[in-house]
């Protein structure tokens, strides 16, 4: 499982002219699943995201988590995180989890975040999504299940 976490002051997802998810301060997540990922991995990564301390405190130090700032999450499915260009300029996605299994894990991951008390907005799995965000900092963290 790979997650790109971007600290944002706002973010939104639009599909065919309709906003499917929109947040103010929080995290915009790009979430991809590999062939060996499981529900346990998805749950642990949701817990990791919820505990990330990448918001600034009153002294300007990156020390607060998403709960401390009352933040929300915009979660976007992103199988292209598994694009492999080692052998070619055209990415291979052979290590990405296939559609039905990936949808199930993506929905489970988002539910885990909600169970942790977070407000989660989403895009639409497999859709042509237009993502807008204001990266705050900028702060971008990459989480991988290793």
Protein backbone atom coordinates (compact mmCIF):
# COMPACT_ATOMS: atom_id res chain seq x y z
CA UNK A 1 0.00 0.00 0.00
CA UNK A 2 1.26 3.42 -0.94
CA UNK A 3 -0.15 6.72 0.29
CA UNK A 4 0.91 10.22 -0.66
CA UNK A 5 -0.18 12.52 2.18
CA UNK A 6 -0.39 16.21 1.39
CA UNK A 7 -1.14 18.74 4.10
CA UNK A 8 -3.68 21.10 2.56
CA UNK A 9 -5.55 24.24 3.44
CA UNK A 10 -8.26 23.04 1.02
CA UNK A 11 -8.85 20.33 -1.57
CA UNK A 12 -11.63 19.07 -3.79
CA UNK A 13 -12.45 16.37 -6.32
CA UNK A 14 -14.72 16.93 -9.32
CA UNK A 15 -16.08 14.20 -11.62
CA UNK A 16 -17.99 15.19 -14.76
CA UNK A 17 -18.59 18.69 -13.40
CA UNK A 18 -19.89 17.52 -10.00
CA UNK A 19 -17.90 17.95 -6.78
CA UNK A 20 -17.69 14.52 -5.13
CA UNK A 21 -15.60 15.59 -2.16
CA UNK A 22 -14.31 18.83 -0.69
CA UNK A 23 -12.42 19.71 2.49
CA UNK A 24 -10.78 22.66 4.13
CA UNK A 25 -7.70 22.11 6.34
CA UNK A 26 -6.51 18.52 6.51
CA UNK A 27 -4.98 15.82 4.33
CA UNK A 28 -5.41 15.09 0.66
CA UNK A 29 -4.49 11.41 0.26
CA UNK A 30 -3.55 9.60 -2.92
CA UNK A 31 -4.08 5.93 -2.07
CA UNK A 32 -2.85 2.93 -4.05
CA UNK A 33 -2.90 -0.80 -3.33
CA UNK A 34 -0.48 -3.49 -4.40
CA UNK A 35 -1.16 -7.17 -5.03
CA UNK A 36 0.01 -8.26 -1.57
CA UNK A 37 -2.03 -5.72 0.43
CA UNK A 38 -4.60 -6.87 3.00
CA UNK A 39 -7.32 -5.41 5.21
CA UNK A 40 -4.89 -5.52 8.16
CA UNK A 41 -2.39 -3.40 6.22
CA UNK A 42 -5.13 -0.94 5.25
CA UNK A 43 -6.24 -0.63 8.89
CA UNK A 44 -2.68 -0.07 10.15
CA UNK A 45 -2.05 2.58 7.49
CA UNK A 46 -5.30 4.35 8.44
CA UNK A 47 -4.08 4.43 12.03
CA UNK A 48 -0.71 5.78 10.86
CA UNK A 49 -2.38 8.55 8.85
CA UNK A 50 -4.54 9.52 11.82
CA UNK A 51 -1.49 9.88 14.07
CA UNK A 52 0.80 11.77 11.66
CA UNK A 53 2.05 14.91 13.36
CA UNK A 54 2.64 17.23 10.41
CA UNK A 55 0.69 20.34 11.42
CA UNK A 56 2.44 23.29 13.01
CA UNK A 57 2.03 24.10 16.69
CA UNK A 58 2.03 27.59 18.25
CA UNK A 59 5.85 27.67 18.00
CA UNK A 60 5.88 26.82 14.28
CA UNK A 61 7.13 23.27 14.91
CA UNK A 62 5.55 20.38 13.03
CA UNK A 63 4.03 18.71 16.07
CA UNK A 64 0.22 18.46 15.78
CA UNK A 65 -1.95 15.74 14.29
CA UNK A 66 -5.14 16.05 12.27
CA UNK A 67 -7.33 15.81 15.39
CA UNK A 68 -5.47 18.71 17.03
CA UNK A 69 -6.37 21.02 14.13
CA UNK A 70 -9.90 19.72 13.49
CA UNK A 71 -8.89 18.61 10.01
CA UNK A 72 -10.61 16.42 7.42
CA UNK A 73 -9.44 14.02 4.72
CA UNK A 74 -9.98 13.92 0.97
CA UNK A 75 -9.11 10.34 -0.06
CA UNK A 76 -8.45 9.67 -3.75
CA UNK A 77 -7.84 6.20 -5.23
CA UNK A 78 -4.62 6.24 -7.26
CA UNK A 79 -3.45 2.94 -8.78
CA UNK A 80 -0.81 4.85 -10.76
CA UNK A 81 1.29 5.01 -7.58
CA UNK A 82 2.31 1.49 -8.62
CA UNK A 83 3.56 2.58 -12.05
CA UNK A 84 6.93 0.93 -12.71
CA UNK A 85 9.21 2.61 -15.27
CA UNK A 86 12.37 0.56 -14.66
CA UNK A 87 12.22 -1.14 -18.07
CA UNK A 88 10.41 1.45 -20.16
CA UNK A 89 9.18 5.01 -20.36
CA UNK A 90 5.64 3.63 -20.44
CA UNK A 91 4.67 2.61 -16.88
CA UNK A 92 3.74 -0.97 -16.12
CA UNK A 93 1.02 -1.42 -13.50
CA UNK A 94 1.46 -5.16 -12.99
CA UNK A 95 2.07 -4.71 -9.24
CA UNK A 96 -1.16 -2.72 -8.73
CA UNK A 97 -4.07 -4.59 -7.19
CA UNK A 98 -6.88 -5.34 -9.66
CA UNK A 99 -10.12 -3.34 -9.68
CA UNK A 100 -12.60 -5.30 -7.52
CA UNK A 101 -10.07 -6.11 -4.78
CA UNK A 102 -8.67 -2.57 -4.85
CA UNK A 103 -12.17 -1.06 -4.55
CA UNK A 104 -12.87 -3.23 -1.52
CA UNK A 105 -9.61 -2.26 0.23
CA UNK A 106 -10.05 1.43 -0.65
CA UNK A 107 -13.55 1.47 0.85
CA UNK A 108 -12.30 -0.42 3.92
CA UNK A 109 -9.39 2.01 4.38
CA UNK A 110 -11.78 4.99 4.26
CA UNK A 111 -14.14 3.29 6.72
CA UNK A 112 -11.20 2.70 9.10
CA UNK A 113 -10.41 6.43 8.96
CA UNK A 114 -14.06 7.23 9.73
CA UNK A 115 -14.07 4.76 12.64
CA UNK A 116 -11.06 6.67 13.99
CA UNK A 117 -13.31 9.75 14.17
CA UNK A 118 -12.17 11.50 11.00
CA UNK A 119 -14.37 13.19 8.40
CA UNK A 120 -13.52 11.58 5.05
CA UNK A 121 -14.56 12.81 1.62
CA UNK A 122 -13.71 10.80 -1.49
CA UNK A 123 -13.46 10.77 -5.22
CA UNK A 124 -15.01 8.03 -7.35
CA UNK A 125 -12.92 4.91 -7.82
CA UNK A 126 -11.84 4.50 -11.45
CA UNK A 127 -13.35 7.81 -12.59
CA UNK A 128 -11.58 10.60 -14.46
CA UNK A 129 -11.18 12.92 -11.47
CA UNK A 130 -10.09 16.53 -11.43
CA UNK A 131 -8.29 17.29 -8.18
CA UNK A 132 -7.68 20.79 -6.90
CA UNK A 133 -5.67 21.50 -3.77
CA UNK A 134 -3.68 24.11 -1.96
CA UNK A 135 -0.68 22.29 -0.48
CA UNK A 136 0.04 23.94 2.87
CA UNK A 137 3.75 24.33 3.54
CA UNK A 138 4.19 22.51 1.24
CA UNK A 139 4.21 19.34 3.31
CA UNK A 140 4.09 15.99 1.49
CA UNK A 141 4.80 12.63 3.11
CA UNK A 142 4.93 9.22 1.40
CA UNK A 143 3.78 6.19 3.40
CA UNK A 144 4.53 2.70 2.15
CA UNK A 145 3.76 -0.62 3.71
CA UNK A 146 7.18 -2.20 4.11
